[in-house]
Amino acid sequence: MTLEKFALGAEIDAGGGVDAVLSIKNEIRLRPSVFDPDLKTVLELSFNLVNFKLTGACSMTDERHNPLGIYHDVGTKKMDILVGNTAVALGWIEV
């Protein structure tokens, strides 16, 4: 795993309402297995100090060929399975 970028941020919005958010964003390269190249992954976590909303998002911006060693042989041709540009986001609000 290689850390490429790391950022800490804070936002304060007092325009229409009060809002204060702390966030961490990093870009890393990680290797899922010894057979795969390093894949660029972006992870962002944020926490709203006003409504206690916690948000996490992660995306893989590179392409991964034949994940988990899965591939298909069709006749004399090998079919490539490609996974790329995937994303997941989760949010939680404490009431």
PDB file of N, CA and C in Angstrom:
ATOM      1  N   MET A   1       0.841  -1.167   0.000  1.00  0.00           N
ATOM      2  CA  MET A   1       0.000   0.000   0.000  1.00  0.00           C
ATOM      3  C   MET A   1       0.893   1.239   0.000  1.00  0.00           C
ATOM      4  N   THR A   2       0.562   2.192  -0.858  1.00  0.00           N
ATOM      5  CA  THR A   2       1.314   3.432  -0.976  1.00  0.00           C
ATOM      6  C   THR A   2       0.368   4.616  -0.845  1.00  0.00           C
ATOM      7  N   LEU A   3       0.674   5.512   0.065  1.00  0.00           N
ATOM      8  CA  LEU A   3      -0.127   6.717   0.246  1.00  0.00           C
ATOM      9  C   LEU A   3       0.332   7.758  -0.762  1.00  0.00           C
ATOM     10  N   GLU A   4      -0.595   8.214  -1.632  1.00  0.00           N
ATOM     11  CA  GLU A   4      -0.240   9.217  -2.635  1.00  0.00           C
ATOM     12  C   GLU A   4      -0.596  10.629  -2.196  1.00  0.00           C
ATOM     13  N   LYS A   5      -1.812  10.817  -1.678  1.00  0.00           N
ATOM     14  CA  LYS A   5      -2.244  12.139  -1.226  1.00  0.00           C
ATOM     15  C   LYS A   5      -3.004  11.986   0.082  1.00  0.00           C
ATOM     16  N   PHE A   6      -2.883  12.979   0.937  1.00  0.00           N
ATOM     17  CA  PHE A   6      -3.601  12.989   2.200  1.00  0.00           C
ATOM     18  C   PHE A   6      -4.023  14.421   2.466  1.00  0.00           C
ATOM     19  N   ALA A   7      -5.302  14.623   2.793  1.00  0.00           N
ATOM     20  CA  ALA A   7      -5.785  15.983   3.031  1.00  0.00           C
ATOM     21  C   ALA A   7      -6.735  16.013   4.214  1.00  0.00           C
ATOM     22  N   LEU A   8      -6.590  17.020   5.040  1.00  0.00           N
ATOM     23  CA  LEU A   8      -7.518  17.302   6.130  1.00  0.00           C
ATOM     24  C   LEU A   8      -8.246  18.583   5.779  1.00  0.00           C
ATOM     25  N   GLY A   9      -9.547  18.628   6.059  1.00  0.00           N
ATOM     26  CA  GLY A   9     -10.291  19.823   5.715  1.00  0.00           C
ATOM     27  C   GLY A   9     -11.332  20.158   6.756  1.00  0.00           C
ATOM     28  N   ALA A  10     -11.770  21.383   6.730  1.00  0.00           N
ATOM     29  CA  ALA A  10     -12.842  21.846   7.604  1.00  0.00           C
ATOM     30  C   ALA A  10     -13.657  22.870   6.850  1.00  0.00           C
ATOM     31  N   GLU A  11     -14.971  22.779   6.987  1.00  0.00           N
ATOM     32  CA  GLU A  11     -15.867  23.738   6.347  1.00  0.00           C
ATOM     33  C   GLU A  11     -16.775  24.333   7.402  1.00  0.00           C
ATOM     34  N   ILE A  12     -16.933  25.649   7.357  1.00  0.00           N
ATOM     35  CA  ILE A  12     -17.870  26.326   8.246  1.00  0.00           C
ATOM     36  C   ILE A  12     -18.765  27.200   7.373  1.00  0.00           C
ATOM     37  N   ASP A  13     -20.075  26.946   7.438  1.00  0.00           N
ATOM     38  CA  ASP A  13     -21.047  27.693   6.633  1.00  0.00           C
ATOM     39  C   ASP A  13     -21.994  28.415   7.573  1.00  0.00           C
ATOM     40  N   ALA A  14     -21.915  29.715   7.586  1.00  0.00           N
ATOM     41  CA  ALA A  14     -22.805  30.505   8.434  1.00  0.00           C
ATOM     42  C   ALA A  14     -23.761  31.335   7.595  1.00  0.00           C
ATOM     43  N   GLY A  15     -23.857  31.036   6.286  1.00  0.00           N
ATOM     44  CA  GLY A  15     -24.714  31.803   5.396  1.00  0.00           C
ATOM     45  C   GLY A  15     -26.187  31.617   5.717  1.00  0.00           C
ATOM     46  N   GLY A  16     -26.787  30.502   5.311  1.00  0.00           N
ATOM     47  CA  GLY A  16     -28.204  30.258   5.549  1.00  0.00           C
ATOM     48  C   GLY A  16     -28.439  29.538   6.860  1.00  0.00           C
ATOM     49  N   GLY A  17     -27.471  28.845   7.345  1.00  0.00           N
ATOM     50  CA  GLY A  17     -27.583  28.103   8.591  1.00  0.00           C
ATOM     51  C   GLY A  17     -26.190  27.822   9.104  1.00  0.00           C
ATOM     52  N   VAL A  18     -26.125  27.182  10.218  1.00  0.00           N
ATOM     53  CA  VAL A  18     -24.828  26.877  10.804  1.00  0.00           C
ATOM     54  C   VAL A  18     -24.451  25.449  10.426  1.00  0.00           C
ATOM     55  N   ASP A  19     -23.243  25.271   9.914  1.00  0.00           N
ATOM     56  CA  ASP A  19     -22.781  23.962   9.506  1.00  0.00           C
ATOM     57  C   ASP A  19     -21.271  23.915   9.706  1.00  0.00           C
ATOM     58  N   ALA A  20     -20.779  22.863  10.304  1.00  0.00           N
ATOM     59  CA  ALA A  20     -19.343  22.685  10.501  1.00  0.00           C
ATOM     60  C   ALA A  20     -19.001  21.226  10.215  1.00  0.00           C
ATOM     61  N   VAL A  21     -18.105  21.010   9.254  1.00  0.00           N
ATOM     62  CA  VAL A  21     -17.771  19.657   8.809  1.00  0.00           C
ATOM     63  C   VAL A  21     -16.263  19.475   8.847  1.00  0.00           C
ATOM     64  N   LEU A  22     -15.806  18.370   9.417  1.00  0.00           N
ATOM     65  CA  LEU A  22     -14.405  17.962   9.373  1.00  0.00           C
ATOM     66  C   LEU A  22     -14.300  16.812   8.393  1.00  0.00           C
ATOM     67  N   SER A  23     -13.248  16.800   7.561  1.00  0.00           N
ATOM     68  CA  SER A  23     -13.122  15.722   6.586  1.00  0.00           C
ATOM     69  C   SER A  23     -11.669  15.300   6.407  1.00  0.00           C
ATOM     70  N   ILE A  24     -11.511  14.042   6.025  1.00  0.00           N
ATOM     71  CA  ILE A  24     -10.208  13.458   5.700  1.00  0.00           C
ATOM     72  C   ILE A  24     -10.365  12.796   4.342  1.00  0.00           C
ATOM     73  N   LYS A  25      -9.443  13.094   3.444  1.00  0.00           N
ATOM     74  CA  LYS A  25      -9.469  12.472   2.124  1.00  0.00           C
ATOM     75  C   LYS A  25      -8.063  11.993   1.793  1.00  0.00           C
ATOM     76  N   ASN A  26      -7.959  10.747   1.337  1.00  0.00           N
ATOM     77  CA  ASN A  26      -6.653  10.263   0.920  1.00  0.00           C
ATOM     78  C   ASN A  26      -6.774   9.415  -0.330  1.00  0.00           C
ATOM     79  N   GLU A  27      -5.703   9.409  -1.086  1.00  0.00           N
ATOM     80  CA  GLU A  27      -5.586   8.577  -2.268  1.00  0.00           C
ATOM     81  C   GLU A  27      -4.449   7.606  -2.018  1.00  0.00           C
ATOM     82  N   ILE A  28      -4.749   6.340  -2.167  1.00  0.00           N
ATOM     83  CA  ILE A  28      -3.736   5.316  -1.922  1.00  0.00           C
ATOM     84  C   ILE A  28      -3.688   4.349  -3.093  1.00  0.00           C
ATOM     85  N   ARG A  29      -2.600   3.666  -3.226  1.00  0.00           N
ATOM     86  CA  ARG A  29      -2.472   2.566  -4.174  1.00  0.00           C
ATOM     87  C   ARG A  29      -2.297   1.303  -3.343  1.00  0.00           C
ATOM     88  N   LEU A  30      -3.173   0.337  -3.604  1.00  0.00           N
ATOM     89  CA  LEU A  30      -3.058  -0.922  -2.881  1.00  0.00           C
ATOM     90  C   LEU A  30      -3.137  -2.077  -3.851  1.00  0.00           C
ATOM     91  N   ARG A  31      -2.536  -3.175  -3.460  1.00  0.00           N
ATOM     92  CA  ARG A  31      -2.476  -4.366  -4.287  1.00  0.00           C
ATOM     93  C   ARG A  31      -3.355  -5.442  -3.641  1.00  0.00           C
ATOM     94  N   PRO A  32      -4.515  -5.771  -4.272  1.00  0.00           N
ATOM     95  CA  PRO A  32      -5.432  -6.753  -3.678  1.00  0.00           C
ATOM     96  C   PRO A  32      -4.823  -8.153  -3.552  1.00  0.00           C
ATOM     97  N   SER A  33      -3.969  -8.543  -4.485  1.00  0.00           N
ATOM     98  CA  SER A  33      -3.305  -9.843  -4.416  1.00  0.00           C
ATOM     99  C   SER A  33      -1.932  -9.716  -5.066  1.00  0.00           C
ATOM    100  N   VAL A  34      -1.131 -10.744  -4.944  1.00  0.00           N
ATOM    101  CA  VAL A  34       0.212 -10.697  -5.530  1.00  0.00           C
ATOM    102  C   VAL A  34       0.160 -10.721  -7.052  1.00  0.00           C
ATOM    103  N   PHE A  35      -0.963 -11.107  -7.625  1.00  0.00           N
ATOM    104  CA  PHE A  35      -1.095 -11.193  -9.076  1.00  0.00           C
ATOM    105  C   PHE A  35      -1.594  -9.893  -9.702  1.00  0.00           C
ATOM    106  N   ASP A  36      -2.073  -8.956  -8.885  1.00  0.00           N
ATOM    107  CA  ASP A  36      -2.649  -7.717  -9.382  1.00  0.00           C
ATOM    108  C   ASP A  36      -1.646  -6.571  -9.316  1.00  0.00           C
ATOM    109  N   PRO A  37      -1.810  -5.576 -10.200  1.00  0.00           N
ATOM    110  CA  PRO A  37      -1.008  -4.360 -10.062  1.00  0.00           C
ATOM    111  C   PRO A  37      -1.579  -3.485  -8.946  1.00  0.00           C
ATOM    112  N   ASP A  38      -0.850  -2.448  -8.586  1.00  0.00           N
ATOM    113  CA  ASP A  38      -1.363  -1.492  -7.603  1.00  0.00           C
ATOM    114  C   ASP A  38      -2.569  -0.766  -8.193  1.00  0.00           C
ATOM    115  N   LEU A  39      -3.656  -0.666  -7.410  1.00  0.00           N
ATOM    116  CA  LEU A  39      -4.882  -0.024  -7.860  1.00  0.00           C
ATOM    117  C   LEU A  39      -5.091   1.267  -7.083  1.00  0.00           C
ATOM    118  N   LYS A  40      -5.422   2.348  -7.797  1.00  0.00           N
ATOM    119  CA  LYS A  40      -5.648   3.634  -7.155  1.00  0.00           C
ATOM    120  C   LYS A  40      -7.016   3.639  -6.487  1.00  0.00           C
ATOM    121  N   THR A  41      -7.049   3.991  -5.208  1.00  0.00           N
ATOM    122  CA  THR A  41      -8.266   4.018  -4.415  1.00  0.00           C
ATOM    123  C   THR A  41      -8.352   5.363  -3.693  1.00  0.00           C
ATOM    124  N   VAL A  42      -9.548   5.937  -3.676  1.00  0.00           N
ATOM    125  CA  VAL A  42      -9.776   7.218  -3.006  1.00  0.00           C
ATOM    126  C   VAL A  42     -10.741   6.971  -1.849  1.00  0.00           C
ATOM    127  N   LEU A  43     -10.385   7.403  -0.650  1.00  0.00           N
ATOM    128  CA  LEU A  43     -11.202   7.231   0.548  1.00  0.00           C
ATOM    129  C   LEU A  43     -11.451   8.600   1.165  1.00  0.00           C
ATOM    130  N   GLU A  44     -12.714   8.876   1.498  1.00  0.00           N
ATOM    131  CA  GLU A  44     -13.052  10.149   2.142  1.00  0.00           C
ATOM    132  C   GLU A  44     -13.997   9.892   3.302  1.00  0.00           C
ATOM    133  N   LEU A  45     -13.669  10.444   4.456  1.00  0.00           N
ATOM    134  CA  LEU A  45     -14.508  10.378   5.649  1.00  0.00           C
ATOM    135  C   LEU A  45     -14.825  11.803   6.084  1.00  0.00           C
ATOM    136  N   SER A  46     -16.086  12.048   6.447  1.00  0.00           N
ATOM    137  CA  SER A  46     -16.442  13.380   6.934  1.00  0.00           C
ATOM    138  C   SER A  46     -17.382  13.259   8.128  1.00  0.00           C
ATOM    139  N   PHE A  47     -17.321  14.266   9.000  1.00  0.00           N
ATOM    140  CA  PHE A  47     -18.143  14.290  10.201  1.00  0.00           C
ATOM    141  C   PHE A  47     -18.697  15.699  10.377  1.00  0.00           C
ATOM    142  N   ASN A  48     -20.026  15.805  10.418  1.00  0.00           N
ATOM    143  CA  ASN A  48     -20.697  17.080  10.618  1.00  0.00           C
ATOM    144  C   ASN A  48     -20.839  17.309  12.117  1.00  0.00           C
ATOM    145  N   LEU A  49     -20.269  18.391  12.613  1.00  0.00           N
ATOM    146  CA  LEU A  49     -20.272  18.674  14.047  1.00  0.00           C
ATOM    147  C   LEU A  49     -21.613  19.185  14.561  1.00  0.00           C
ATOM    148  N   VAL A  50     -22.509  19.620  13.663  1.00  0.00           N
ATOM    149  CA  VAL A  50     -23.800  20.163  14.065  1.00  0.00           C
ATOM    150  C   VAL A  50     -24.844  19.057  14.214  1.00  0.00           C
ATOM    151  N   ASN A  51     -25.011  18.250  13.162  1.00  0.00           N
ATOM    152  CA  ASN A  51     -26.037  17.191  13.225  1.00  0.00           C
ATOM    153  C   ASN A  51     -25.445  15.803  13.447  1.00  0.00           C
ATOM    154  N   PHE A  52     -24.142  15.718  13.683  1.00  0.00           N
ATOM    155  CA  PHE A  52     -23.434  14.462  13.971  1.00  0.00           C
ATOM    156  C   PHE A  52     -23.585  13.440  12.856  1.00  0.00           C
ATOM    157  N   LYS A  53     -23.582  13.898  11.628  1.00  0.00           N
ATOM    158  CA  LYS A  53     -23.678  13.006  10.475  1.00  0.00           C
ATOM    159  C   LYS A  53     -22.280  12.534  10.107  1.00  0.00           C
ATOM    160  N   LEU A  54     -22.101  11.229  10.036  1.00  0.00           N
ATOM    161  CA  LEU A  54     -20.838  10.612   9.652  1.00  0.00           C
ATOM    162  C   LEU A  54     -21.008  10.029   8.257  1.00  0.00           C
ATOM    163  N   THR A  55     -20.105  10.354   7.342  1.00  0.00           N
ATOM    164  CA  THR A  55     -20.191   9.887   5.965  1.00  0.00           C
ATOM    165  C   THR A  55     -18.853   9.302   5.553  1.00  0.00           C
ATOM    166  N   GLY A  56     -18.901   8.190   4.855  1.00  0.00           N
ATOM    167  CA  GLY A  56     -17.698   7.574   4.318  1.00  0.00           C
ATOM    168  C   GLY A  56     -17.923   7.191   2.871  1.00  0.00           C
ATOM    169  N   ALA A  57     -16.934   7.443   2.030  1.00  0.00           N
ATOM    170  CA  ALA A  57     -17.029   7.105   0.616  1.00  0.00           C
ATOM    171  C   ALA A  57     -15.691   6.546   0.151  1.00  0.00           C
ATOM    172  N   CYS A  58     -15.757   5.543  -0.704  1.00  0.00           N
ATOM    173  CA  CYS A  58     -14.548   4.919  -1.222  1.00  0.00           C
ATOM    174  C   CYS A  58     -14.772   4.594  -2.688  1.00  0.00           C
ATOM    175  N   SER A  59     -13.766   4.811  -3.508  1.00  0.00           N
ATOM    176  CA  SER A  59     -13.878   4.464  -4.919  1.00  0.00           C
ATOM    177  C   SER A  59     -12.547   3.920  -5.429  1.00  0.00           C
ATOM    178  N   MET A  60     -12.643   2.974  -6.365  1.00  0.00           N
ATOM    179  CA  MET A  60     -11.469   2.435  -7.040  1.00  0.00           C
ATOM    180  C   MET A  60     -11.488   3.032  -8.445  1.00  0.00           C
ATOM    181  N   THR A  61     -10.485   3.816  -8.784  1.00  0.00           N
ATOM    182  CA  THR A  61     -10.507   4.534 -10.056  1.00  0.00           C
ATOM    183  C   THR A  61      -9.724   3.819 -11.154  1.00  0.00           C
ATOM    184  N   ASP A  62      -9.020   2.767 -10.832  1.00  0.00           N
ATOM    185  CA  ASP A  62      -8.307   1.986 -11.844  1.00  0.00           C
ATOM    186  C   ASP A  62      -9.134   0.769 -12.248  1.00  0.00           C
ATOM    187  N   GLU A  63      -8.633   0.035 -13.217  1.00  0.00           N
ATOM    188  CA  GLU A  63      -9.313  -1.164 -13.681  1.00  0.00           C
ATOM    189  C   GLU A  63      -8.598  -2.410 -13.149  1.00  0.00           C
ATOM    190  N   ARG A  64      -9.387  -3.371 -12.707  1.00  0.00           N
ATOM    191  CA  ARG A  64      -8.842  -4.637 -12.220  1.00  0.00           C
ATOM    192  C   ARG A  64      -9.312  -5.749 -13.154  1.00  0.00           C
ATOM    193  N   HIS A  65      -8.376  -6.445 -13.731  1.00  0.00           N
ATOM    194  CA  HIS A  65      -8.687  -7.527 -14.649  1.00  0.00           C
ATOM    195  C   HIS A  65      -8.742  -8.855 -13.901  1.00  0.00           C
ATOM    196  N   ASN A  66      -9.755  -9.643 -14.199  1.00  0.00           N
ATOM    197  CA  ASN A  66      -9.931 -10.978 -13.620  1.00  0.00           C
ATOM    198  C   ASN A  66      -9.826 -10.982 -12.097  1.00  0.00           C
ATOM    199  N   PRO A  67     -10.756 -10.283 -11.412  1.00  0.00           N
ATOM    200  CA  PRO A  67     -10.698 -10.243  -9.948  1.00  0.00           C
ATOM    201  C   PRO A  67     -10.840 -11.635  -9.354  1.00  0.00           C
ATOM    202  N   LEU A  68     -10.111 -11.889  -8.292  1.00  0.00           N
ATOM    203  CA  LEU A  68     -10.112 -13.168  -7.588  1.00  0.00           C
ATOM    204  C   LEU A  68      -9.717 -14.326  -8.487  1.00  0.00           C
ATOM    205  N   GLY A  69      -8.996 -14.027  -9.560  1.00  0.00           N
ATOM    206  CA  GLY A  69      -8.531 -15.076 -10.454  1.00  0.00           C
ATOM    207  C   GLY A  69      -9.622 -15.650 -11.339  1.00  0.00           C
ATOM    208  N   ILE A  70     -10.748 -14.954 -11.468  1.00  0.00           N
ATOM    209  CA  ILE A  70     -11.865 -15.450 -12.261  1.00  0.00           C
ATOM    210  C   ILE A  70     -11.648 -15.082 -13.730  1.00  0.00           C
ATOM    211  N   TYR A  71     -11.753 -16.040 -14.591  1.00  0.00           N
ATOM    212  CA  TYR A  71     -11.742 -15.799 -16.031  1.00  0.00           C
ATOM    213  C   TYR A  71     -12.463 -16.960 -16.695  1.00  0.00           C
ATOM    214  N   HIS A  72     -12.827 -16.758 -17.939  1.00  0.00           N
ATOM    215  CA  HIS A  72     -13.551 -17.794 -18.675  1.00  0.00           C
ATOM    216  C   HIS A  72     -12.814 -18.105 -19.966  1.00  0.00           C
ATOM    217  N   ASP A  73     -12.759 -19.375 -20.284  1.00  0.00           N
ATOM    218  CA  ASP A  73     -12.241 -19.799 -21.581  1.00  0.00           C
ATOM    219  C   ASP A  73     -13.432 -20.096 -22.473  1.00  0.00           C
ATOM    220  N   VAL A  74     -13.501 -19.407 -23.588  1.00  0.00           N
ATOM    221  CA  VAL A  74     -14.576 -19.625 -24.550  1.00  0.00           C
ATOM    222  C   VAL A  74     -13.929 -20.161 -25.820  1.00  0.00           C
ATOM    223  N   GLY A  75     -14.036 -21.462 -26.022  1.00  0.00           N
ATOM    224  CA  GLY A  75     -13.380 -22.074 -27.177  1.00  0.00           C
ATOM    225  C   GLY A  75     -11.882 -21.931 -27.052  1.00  0.00           C
ATOM    226  N   THR A  76     -11.291 -21.271 -28.036  1.00  0.00           N
ATOM    227  CA  THR A  76      -9.840 -21.061 -28.002  1.00  0.00           C
ATOM    228  C   THR A  76      -9.480 -19.673 -27.503  1.00  0.00           C
ATOM    229  N   LYS A  77     -10.504 -18.854 -27.141  1.00  0.00           N
ATOM    230  CA  LYS A  77     -10.250 -17.485 -26.679  1.00  0.00           C
ATOM    231  C   LYS A  77     -10.475 -17.368 -25.178  1.00  0.00           C
ATOM    232  N   LYS A  78      -9.635 -16.604 -24.546  1.00  0.00           N
ATOM    233  CA  LYS A  78      -9.777 -16.323 -23.121  1.00  0.00           C
ATOM    234  C   LYS A  78     -10.581 -15.031 -22.966  1.00  0.00           C
ATOM    235  N   MET A  79     -11.658 -15.088 -22.198  1.00  0.00           N
ATOM    236  CA  MET A  79     -12.494 -13.916 -21.996  1.00  0.00           C
ATOM    237  C   MET A  79     -12.032 -13.176 -20.737  1.00  0.00           C
ATOM    238  N   ASP A  80     -11.814 -11.886 -20.857  1.00  0.00           N
ATOM    239  CA  ASP A  80     -11.309 -11.072 -19.755  1.00  0.00           C
ATOM    240  C   ASP A  80     -12.479 -10.479 -18.970  1.00  0.00           C
ATOM    241  N   ILE A  81     -12.442 -10.570 -17.646  1.00  0.00           N
ATOM    242  CA  ILE A  81     -13.437  -9.932 -16.787  1.00  0.00           C
ATOM    243  C   ILE A  81     -12.792  -8.688 -16.206  1.00  0.00           C
ATOM    244  N   LEU A  82     -13.487  -7.558 -16.336  1.00  0.00           N
ATOM    245  CA  LEU A  82     -12.923  -6.269 -15.948  1.00  0.00           C
ATOM    246  C   LEU A  82     -13.830  -5.581 -14.932  1.00  0.00           C
ATOM    247  N   VAL A  83     -13.237  -5.114 -13.836  1.00  0.00           N
ATOM    248  CA  VAL A  83     -13.953  -4.324 -12.837  1.00  0.00           C
ATOM    249  C   VAL A  83     -13.217  -2.996 -12.734  1.00  0.00           C
ATOM    250  N   GLY A  84     -13.954  -1.895 -12.871  1.00  0.00           N
ATOM    251  CA  GLY A  84     -13.298  -0.595 -12.800  1.00  0.00           C
ATOM    252  C   GLY A  84     -14.277   0.514 -12.469  1.00  0.00           C
ATOM    253  N   ASN A  85     -13.740   1.613 -11.974  1.00  0.00           N
ATOM    254  CA  ASN A  85     -14.525   2.802 -11.635  1.00  0.00           C
ATOM    255  C   ASN A  85     -15.715   2.448 -10.743  1.00  0.00           C
ATOM    256  N   THR A  86     -15.452   1.784  -9.642  1.00  0.00           N
ATOM    257  CA  THR A  86     -16.492   1.386  -8.693  1.00  0.00           C
ATOM    258  C   THR A  86     -16.467   2.305  -7.485  1.00  0.00           C
ATOM    259  N   ALA A  87     -17.627   2.443  -6.836  1.00  0.00           N
ATOM    260  CA  ALA A  87     -17.702   3.351  -5.687  1.00  0.00           C
ATOM    261  C   ALA A  87     -18.725   2.847  -4.685  1.00  0.00           C
ATOM    262  N   VAL A  88     -18.488   3.190  -3.406  1.00  0.00           N
ATOM    263  CA  VAL A  88     -19.399   2.870  -2.309  1.00  0.00           C
ATOM    264  C   VAL A  88     -19.449   4.091  -1.399  1.00  0.00           C
ATOM    265  N   ALA A  89     -20.655   4.422  -0.928  1.00  0.00           N
ATOM    266  CA  ALA A  89     -20.798   5.536   0.018  1.00  0.00           C
ATOM    267  C   ALA A  89     -21.792   5.136   1.099  1.00  0.00           C
ATOM    268  N   LEU A  90     -21.476   5.448   2.348  1.00  0.00           N
ATOM    269  CA  LEU A  90     -22.340   5.148   3.489  1.00  0.00           C
ATOM    270  C   LEU A  90     -22.484   6.393   4.345  1.00  0.00           C
ATOM    271  N   GLY A  91     -23.663   6.557   4.932  1.00  0.00           N
ATOM    272  CA  GLY A  91     -23.882   7.697   5.812  1.00  0.00           C
ATOM    273  C   GLY A  91     -24.633   7.285   7.056  1.00  0.00           C
ATOM    274  N   TRP A  92     -24.420   8.007   8.157  1.00  0.00           N
ATOM    275  CA  TRP A  92     -25.066   7.695   9.413  1.00  0.00           C
ATOM    276  C   TRP A  92     -25.342   8.994  10.143  1.00  0.00           C
ATOM    277  N   ILE A  93     -26.585   9.145  10.627  1.00  0.00           N
ATOM    278  CA  ILE A  93     -26.936  10.322  11.419  1.00  0.00           C
ATOM    279  C   ILE A  93     -27.369   9.836  12.801  1.00  0.00           C
ATOM    280  N   GLU A  94     -26.727  10.344  13.829  1.00  0.00           N
ATOM    281  CA  GLU A  94     -27.095  10.019  15.206  1.00  0.00           C
ATOM    282  C   GLU A  94     -28.174  10.991  15.642  1.00  0.00           C
ATOM    283  N   VAL A  95     -29.288  10.445  16.094  1.00  0.00           N
ATOM    284  CA  VAL A  95     -30.424  11.299  16.495  1.00  0.00           C
ATOM    285  C   VAL A  95     -30.465  11.460  17.981  1.00  0.00           C
TER     286      VAL A  95
END
